[in-house]
Amino acid sequence: MVPLQPKRRGPKPKVSDADLLAAIRADLQASPFTGEGHRKVWARLRILSDIRVSKDRVCRLMRENALLSPHRVRQGTPVLHDGSIQTKAPNQMWGTDGIRIQTVEDGWVWVFSAVDHFDACCVGIHAVKIGNRFAALQPIAQGLQAEFGTTGANAGKGLVLRMDHGTQYTADDFLKRIAFWVSTGVSPSLPSPRPTAWPSASTGR
């Protein structure tokens, strides 16, 4: 008697497990870091490869194939980093992030800011109660208007935007608007300096 093999329930996914696993392995192979979890892999697949799958599915495949951080070893030559990312001229690369802080009068609020990597100048800052993807766009819009004089199509052509993989920054609405503004795409965060230092400094924390 041949035992029945369990089958996946629901509709067949657009990306098979085999293809998704191959994409995960390729992403990990290209990464110089050790100890990355499934969330970062999921975010990079979504942003850089336009592979739209659930985090749980990425986690399952990585767990089943011993690819989660405790099982990983360093890939390739270590990348040395001096702790700073400074451009040679202004308006070449901006970093943006958000932080949630508590205030006396308004309680918990979100503060989003954008900073130029050339001189650490804050080009835009926005405080709001609901820290969603639209709020995250505001400091970038402020910076484009102040530095380039417009928020129209290709307003910041040639500008590279650097951010982390927070939910505001991986949302379709956010990514589409950034592509409309800068046209050169989005650069994922590099290891240092930590983006969360920028809004903290801007708010005096």
Foldseek 3Di string as FASTA:
>chain_A
DDDDDDDDDDDDDPADLVRVLVLLVVVQQPDQDAQDALLQSQLCCCAVVVDDDDSVSSNVSCVVVVNHRVSDDGHDDHDDDPFADADPDWLQEKEKDKDWDQDDPPGIKIKIWIATSHPRDTQFIAIGRDDALVRNCHNVQSNLCVPQVDLAFQSSANHEYEYERDPSCSDPVNQVSVCRHHVPGYDYHDDDDDSVVSVCVVVVD
